[in-house]
Protein backbone atom coordinates (compact mmCIF):
# COMPACT_ATOMS: atom_id res chain seq x y z
CA MET A 1 -11.09 -17.17 -29.57
CA ASN A 2 -10.22 -20.78 -28.64
CA ALA A 3 -7.61 -19.51 -26.17
CA ILE A 4 -9.57 -16.59 -24.70
CA PHE A 5 -13.06 -18.07 -24.43
CA PRO A 6 -12.19 -20.66 -21.72
CA ILE A 7 -10.51 -17.93 -19.63
CA PHE A 8 -13.60 -15.74 -19.60
CA ILE A 9 -15.88 -18.74 -19.00
CA LEU A 10 -13.95 -19.49 -15.80
CA LEU A 11 -14.14 -15.82 -14.81
CA LEU A 12 -17.89 -15.92 -15.39
CA LEU A 13 -18.12 -19.17 -13.42
CA GLY A 14 -16.35 -17.51 -10.49
CA SER A 15 -18.80 -14.62 -10.60
CA LEU A 16 -21.82 -16.94 -10.76
CA LEU A 17 -20.56 -19.13 -7.91
CA LYS A 18 -20.22 -16.03 -5.74
CA HIS A 19 -23.64 -14.70 -6.84
CA PHE A 20 -25.44 -17.93 -5.90
CA GLY A 21 -23.63 -18.25 -2.58
CA ILE A 22 -21.65 -21.38 -3.48
CA THR A 23 -18.46 -19.43 -2.72
CA ASN A 24 -18.04 -16.51 -0.34
CA LYS A 25 -15.47 -13.95 0.74
CA ILE A 26 -13.75 -16.41 3.07
CA PHE A 27 -13.34 -19.00 0.31
CA LEU A 28 -12.10 -16.41 -2.20
CA LYS A 29 -9.61 -14.97 0.29
CA THR A 30 -8.30 -18.46 1.07
CA ALA A 31 -8.08 -19.32 -2.64
CA ASP A 32 -6.14 -16.10 -3.29
CA LYS A 33 -3.64 -16.99 -0.58
CA LEU A 34 -3.19 -20.55 -1.86
CA VAL A 35 -2.58 -19.36 -5.42
CA TYR A 36 -0.39 -16.41 -4.48
CA PHE A 37 1.80 -18.03 -1.84
CA ILE A 38 1.95 -21.68 -2.94
CA PHE A 39 0.57 -22.84 -6.29
CA PHE A 40 1.59 -20.01 -8.63
CA PRO A 41 5.18 -19.59 -7.29
CA ALA A 42 5.58 -23.38 -7.47
CA MET A 43 4.38 -23.37 -11.08
CA LEU A 44 6.76 -20.54 -12.04
CA PHE A 45 9.69 -22.30 -10.39
CA TRP A 46 8.85 -25.60 -12.07
CA LYS A 47 8.15 -24.25 -15.56
CA ILE A 48 11.12 -21.87 -15.68
CA GLY A 49 13.48 -24.27 -13.91
CA SER A 50 12.73 -27.18 -16.22
CA SER A 51 13.28 -25.23 -19.47
CA ALA A 52 16.57 -24.64 -21.26
CA PRO A 53 18.33 -21.28 -20.83
CA ASP A 54 17.88 -18.89 -23.74
CA LYS A 55 20.59 -16.84 -25.45
CA GLY A 56 19.88 -13.34 -24.24
CA VAL A 57 16.43 -12.99 -25.81
CA SER A 58 14.81 -12.67 -22.38
CA VAL A 59 16.97 -9.64 -21.56
CA ASP A 60 15.82 -7.78 -24.69
CA LEU A 61 12.21 -8.82 -24.10
CA CYS A 62 12.32 -7.54 -20.51
CA ALA A 63 14.06 -4.31 -21.49
CA ALA A 64 11.53 -3.49 -24.22
CA SER A 65 8.53 -4.44 -22.08
CA ILE A 66 9.62 -2.53 -18.98
CA LEU A 67 10.45 0.54 -21.08
CA ALA A 68 6.92 0.43 -22.52
CA VAL A 69 5.45 0.19 -19.01
CA VAL A 70 7.52 3.16 -17.81
CA ILE A 71 6.38 5.26 -20.79
CA VAL A 72 2.71 4.52 -20.04
CA TYR A 73 3.36 5.20 -16.35
CA LEU A 74 4.63 8.66 -17.28
CA LEU A 75 1.56 9.15 -19.49
CA SER A 76 -0.62 8.28 -16.50
CA LEU A 77 1.11 10.99 -14.45
CA LEU A 78 0.54 13.50 -17.26
CA SER A 79 -3.13 12.44 -17.38
CA ILE A 80 -3.45 13.08 -13.66
CA ARG A 81 -2.28 16.64 -14.26
CA TRP A 82 -4.15 17.24 -17.54
CA PHE A 83 -7.49 15.94 -16.29
CA HIS A 84 -7.10 17.34 -12.75
CA ILE A 85 -7.55 13.93 -11.12
CA PRO A 86 -7.81 14.35 -7.31
CA GLY A 87 -4.96 13.04 -5.18
CA PHE A 88 -7.29 10.52 -3.53
CA GLN A 89 -7.90 8.87 -6.93
CA ALA A 90 -4.51 9.50 -8.54
CA GLY A 91 -2.72 6.44 -7.17
CA SER A 92 -5.53 4.04 -8.09
CA PHE A 93 -5.87 5.57 -11.56
CA SER A 94 -2.14 5.39 -12.28
CA GLN A 95 -1.92 1.74 -11.27
CA ALA A 96 -4.83 0.83 -13.53
CA CYS A 97 -2.93 2.17 -16.54
CA TYR A 98 0.01 -0.26 -16.45
CA ARG A 99 -0.37 -3.05 -13.86
CA PHE A 100 -1.23 -6.43 -15.37
CA ASN A 101 -3.18 -9.49 -14.31
CA THR A 102 -0.53 -12.19 -13.96
CA TYR A 103 -2.95 -15.10 -13.70
CA ILE A 104 -4.95 -14.33 -16.83
CA GLY A 105 -1.68 -13.76 -18.68
CA MET A 106 -0.22 -17.10 -17.67
CA ALA A 107 -3.45 -18.92 -18.51
CA ILE A 108 -3.45 -17.49 -22.06
CA VAL A 109 0.27 -18.12 -22.55
CA MET A 110 -0.14 -21.74 -21.44
CA THR A 111 -2.93 -22.37 -23.95
CA THR A 112 -1.33 -20.54 -26.89
CA LEU A 113 2.46 -20.64 -26.56
CA GLY A 114 3.18 -23.76 -24.52
CA GLU A 115 6.32 -24.44 -22.46
CA SER A 116 8.55 -22.02 -24.35
CA GLY A 117 6.08 -19.18 -23.93
CA ILE A 118 5.70 -19.90 -20.21
CA ARG A 119 9.44 -19.50 -19.70
CA TYR A 120 9.61 -16.15 -21.50
CA PHE A 121 6.48 -14.85 -19.80
CA GLY A 122 7.64 -16.07 -16.40
CA ILE A 123 11.01 -14.33 -16.69
CA LEU A 124 9.31 -11.16 -17.98
CA ILE A 125 6.93 -10.91 -15.03
CA GLY A 126 9.79 -11.72 -12.64
CA PHE A 127 11.56 -8.56 -13.82
CA ALA A 128 8.42 -6.45 -14.29
CA ILE A 129 6.75 -7.04 -10.92
CA PRO A 130 9.46 -5.34 -8.79
CA ILE A 131 9.66 -2.29 -11.05
CA ILE A 132 5.88 -1.96 -11.29
CA ASN A 133 5.58 -2.23 -7.51
CA VAL A 134 8.11 0.57 -7.07
CA LEU A 135 6.16 2.79 -9.50
CA ALA A 136 2.80 1.97 -7.90
CA VAL A 137 3.85 2.32 -4.27
CA GLY A 138 5.83 5.47 -4.98
CA THR A 139 2.86 7.14 -6.69
CA LEU A 140 0.41 6.08 -3.98
CA ILE A 141 2.69 7.38 -1.24
CA TRP A 142 3.23 10.68 -3.07
CA HIS A 143 -0.52 11.31 -3.38
CA SER A 144 -1.52 9.88 0.01
CA ASN A 145 -3.09 12.21 2.57
CA LYS A 146 -1.59 10.18 5.39
CA LYS A 147 2.11 10.88 5.05
CA LYS A 148 4.44 8.34 6.65
CA SER A 149 8.11 8.70 7.43
CA LEU A 150 10.69 7.92 4.75
CA GLY A 151 11.87 4.92 6.74
CA GLN A 152 8.34 3.47 6.96
CA ASN A 153 7.80 3.92 3.24
CA ILE A 154 11.13 2.28 2.36
CA MET A 155 10.45 -0.66 4.69
CA TYR A 156 6.98 -1.14 3.18
CA LEU A 157 8.42 -1.16 -0.33
CA LEU A 158 11.29 -3.52 0.52
CA LYS A 159 8.90 -5.91 2.22
CA ALA A 160 6.63 -5.87 -0.84
CA LEU A 161 9.59 -6.74 -3.08
CA ILE A 162 11.78 -9.08 -1.05
CA PHE A 163 8.96 -11.29 0.19
CA ASN A 164 6.93 -11.35 -3.04
CA PRO A 165 6.40 -15.09 -3.69
CA LEU A 166 6.05 -14.64 -7.46
CA ILE A 167 9.42 -12.91 -7.68
CA LEU A 168 11.00 -15.59 -5.49
CA GLY A 169 9.53 -18.35 -7.67
CA CYS A 170 10.86 -16.74 -10.86
CA VAL A 171 14.34 -16.11 -9.43
CA ALA A 172 14.59 -19.66 -8.07
CA GLY A 173 13.50 -21.05 -11.45
CA ILE A 174 16.07 -18.97 -13.34
CA VAL A 175 18.88 -20.06 -10.99
CA PHE A 176 17.79 -23.72 -11.26
CA SER A 177 17.73 -23.46 -15.05
CA ARG A 178 21.13 -21.73 -15.26
CA PHE A 179 22.76 -24.66 -13.46
CA GLN A 180 21.02 -26.96 -15.98
CA LEU A 181 19.65 -29.13 -13.21
CA SER A 182 16.70 -31.46 -13.68
CA PHE A 183 13.80 -32.60 -11.54
CA ALA A 184 13.53 -36.21 -10.46
CA VAL A 185 10.47 -37.90 -11.93
CA PHE A 186 8.59 -38.04 -8.62
CA ILE A 187 9.36 -34.33 -7.98
CA ASP A 188 8.26 -33.45 -11.52
CA ASN A 189 5.01 -35.36 -11.05
CA THR A 190 4.43 -33.64 -7.69
CA PHE A 191 4.79 -30.19 -9.25
CA ARG A 192 2.55 -31.20 -12.16
CA LEU A 193 -0.17 -32.33 -9.76
CA MET A 194 0.21 -29.26 -7.53
CA THR A 195 0.07 -26.74 -10.35
CA SER A 196 -2.81 -28.34 -12.25
CA VAL A 197 -5.22 -26.51 -9.95
CA THR A 198 -3.44 -23.15 -10.20
CA MET A 199 -5.09 -21.53 -13.22
CA PRO A 200 -8.70 -22.72 -12.65
CA LEU A 201 -8.57 -21.70 -8.98
CA ALA A 202 -6.98 -18.33 -9.79
CA LEU A 203 -9.52 -17.49 -12.51
CA ILE A 204 -12.52 -18.54 -10.42
CA SER A 205 -11.18 -16.40 -7.58
CA ILE A 206 -10.73 -13.39 -9.88
CA GLY A 207 -14.26 -13.84 -11.26
CA GLY A 208 -15.68 -13.94 -7.75
CA SER A 209 -13.92 -10.72 -6.80
CA LEU A 210 -15.15 -8.69 -9.79
CA THR A 211 -17.83 -6.16 -8.91
CA LEU A 212 -19.73 -3.31 -10.54
CA ALA A 213 -19.40 -1.22 -7.38
CA GLY A 214 -18.36 2.32 -8.21
CA LEU A 215 -18.36 1.82 -11.99
CA LYS A 216 -21.08 4.39 -12.67
CA GLN A 217 -19.36 7.07 -10.58
CA ASN A 218 -15.93 6.36 -12.10
CA ILE A 219 -16.83 5.47 -15.68
CA LYS A 220 -14.78 8.28 -17.33
CA LEU A 221 -11.59 7.63 -15.37
CA SER A 222 -12.02 3.88 -15.83
CA PHE A 223 -12.30 4.26 -19.60
CA LEU A 224 -9.28 6.56 -19.66
CA ALA A 225 -7.22 4.05 -17.66
CA ALA A 226 -8.44 1.18 -19.85
CA GLY A 227 -7.51 3.15 -22.98
CA LEU A 228 -3.95 3.63 -21.74
CA LYS A 229 -3.67 0.01 -20.56
CA LEU A 230 -5.35 -1.86 -23.43
CA LEU A 231 -4.68 0.40 -26.42
CA ILE A 232 -1.72 2.73 -25.87
CA LEU A 233 0.46 0.21 -24.00
CA PRO A 234 0.11 -2.54 -26.67
CA VAL A 235 0.89 -0.06 -29.47
CA ILE A 236 3.97 1.34 -27.70
CA GLY A 237 5.01 -2.15 -26.66
CA CYS A 238 4.72 -3.52 -30.20
CA LEU A 239 6.92 -0.71 -31.57
CA LEU A 240 9.55 -1.30 -28.88
CA LEU A 241 9.57 -5.08 -29.39
CA LYS A 242 10.16 -4.55 -33.09
CA SER A 243 12.88 -1.97 -32.42
CA PHE A 244 14.64 -4.58 -30.25
CA PHE A 245 14.27 -7.10 -33.11
CA ILE A 246 12.23 -9.49 -30.97
CA THR A 247 10.30 -12.08 -32.98
CA GLY A 248 8.61 -15.45 -32.62
CA VAL A 249 7.47 -16.75 -29.25
CA PRO A 250 9.12 -13.94 -27.20
CA PHE A 251 7.30 -11.34 -29.32
CA LYS A 252 3.97 -13.11 -28.79
CA ALA A 253 4.58 -13.41 -25.03
CA GLY A 254 5.37 -9.71 -24.88
CA MET A 255 2.24 -8.72 -26.79
CA ILE A 256 0.04 -10.85 -24.52
CA PHE A 257 1.70 -9.12 -21.55
CA PHE A 258 0.79 -5.68 -22.95
CA ALA A 259 -2.84 -6.56 -23.73
CA LEU A 260 -3.72 -7.97 -20.29
CA PRO A 261 -6.36 -6.36 -18.07
CA THR A 262 -5.23 -4.45 -15.03
CA SER A 263 -4.36 -6.39 -11.90
CA THR A 264 -6.85 -7.02 -9.12
CA ALA A 265 -3.97 -6.19 -6.76
CA ILE A 266 -4.55 -2.49 -7.37
CA TYR A 267 -7.62 -2.71 -5.10
CA VAL A 268 -5.60 -4.19 -2.23
CA LEU A 269 -2.74 -1.71 -2.60
CA SER A 270 -5.14 1.22 -2.88
CA ALA A 271 -6.82 0.15 0.36
CA GLN A 272 -3.49 -0.20 2.17
CA LEU A 273 -2.17 3.19 1.04
CA ASP A 274 -5.32 5.28 1.38
CA SER A 275 -6.38 5.64 -2.25
CA ASP A 276 -9.81 5.28 -3.88
CA THR A 277 -10.87 1.61 -3.75
CA GLN A 278 -14.12 2.33 -5.62
CA MET A 279 -12.10 3.76 -8.49
CA ALA A 280 -9.81 0.73 -8.37
CA SER A 281 -12.75 -1.69 -8.40
CA ALA A 282 -14.37 0.09 -11.36
CA ALA A 283 -11.10 0.10 -13.32
CA ILE A 284 -10.54 -3.62 -12.71
CA MET A 285 -14.04 -4.53 -13.86
CA LEU A 286 -14.00 -2.42 -17.03
CA SER A 287 -10.45 -3.40 -17.94
CA THR A 288 -11.25 -7.10 -17.56
CA LEU A 289 -14.32 -6.82 -19.79
CA LEU A 290 -12.54 -4.80 -22.49
CA SER A 291 -9.46 -7.03 -22.44
CA PHE A 292 -11.47 -9.60 -24.40
CA VAL A 293 -11.06 -7.22 -27.35
CA SER A 294 -7.40 -6.34 -26.78
CA LEU A 295 -6.34 -9.95 -26.24
CA SER A 296 -8.31 -11.13 -29.26
CA ALA A 297 -6.63 -8.48 -31.43
CA VAL A 298 -3.15 -9.40 -30.16
CA LEU A 299 -3.70 -13.11 -30.74
CA LEU A 300 -5.00 -12.45 -34.26
CA ILE A 301 -1.91 -10.36 -35.04
């Protein structure tokens, strides 16, 4: 509760600031860009780069976590067929079942697991983001009514991966750490000052973007997606982490990863690739609300 309550207070604050007109769409869009392109990649580079290399635990953690995500992804495809989900909604629904909110995850890891947890979580998301993007974009393209050429689809996917600032920040941090380099004090202090605004700004921005639009019309699909994301994924993930003999801080980082709400990025990607943005919005809202339960359960375990 002590770790989760502040996160949801900042989300609520973001929603209230937007409701009372203190923030607006322009501010939230600018805040998103600052966090996504500057502050969060800088924090990942600094936190991962300044920590000591581990002895292969990260590889097992990433393997188990990504395998769990792929299993739930396949379950989402089966659900699309079983429940006759229309192609227009299929891509948004599938994303909501396995994509994770990076910012909420990092905020919880920082408050519960400290520097060691940040390193494991940072490396995990660095490996997970490219694979999840491939799954999401591939599914959206497959179900899209507006078919593009193979070359256009490949270029879109490569651009999404190669120029992803979070991936670049993680990779740079891993390389820096492998060479066992260290930051000069003034550089270290600069990064500390820069990244101190990252989590509050990110959470306020997420809170301001949450909306009830489309929830009533998409309540069943949203609950189904939330069930796969917040119940099935943590259970499968826990079993896989144990089968890989992962314990301690890496195990806790992995479980937090599994219990996170779905990413707000599914709305943006759905809009870009002609899928149902109302469905995406509803899934984000419901998943974020219900994640209070899933994250509380994981932290208690």
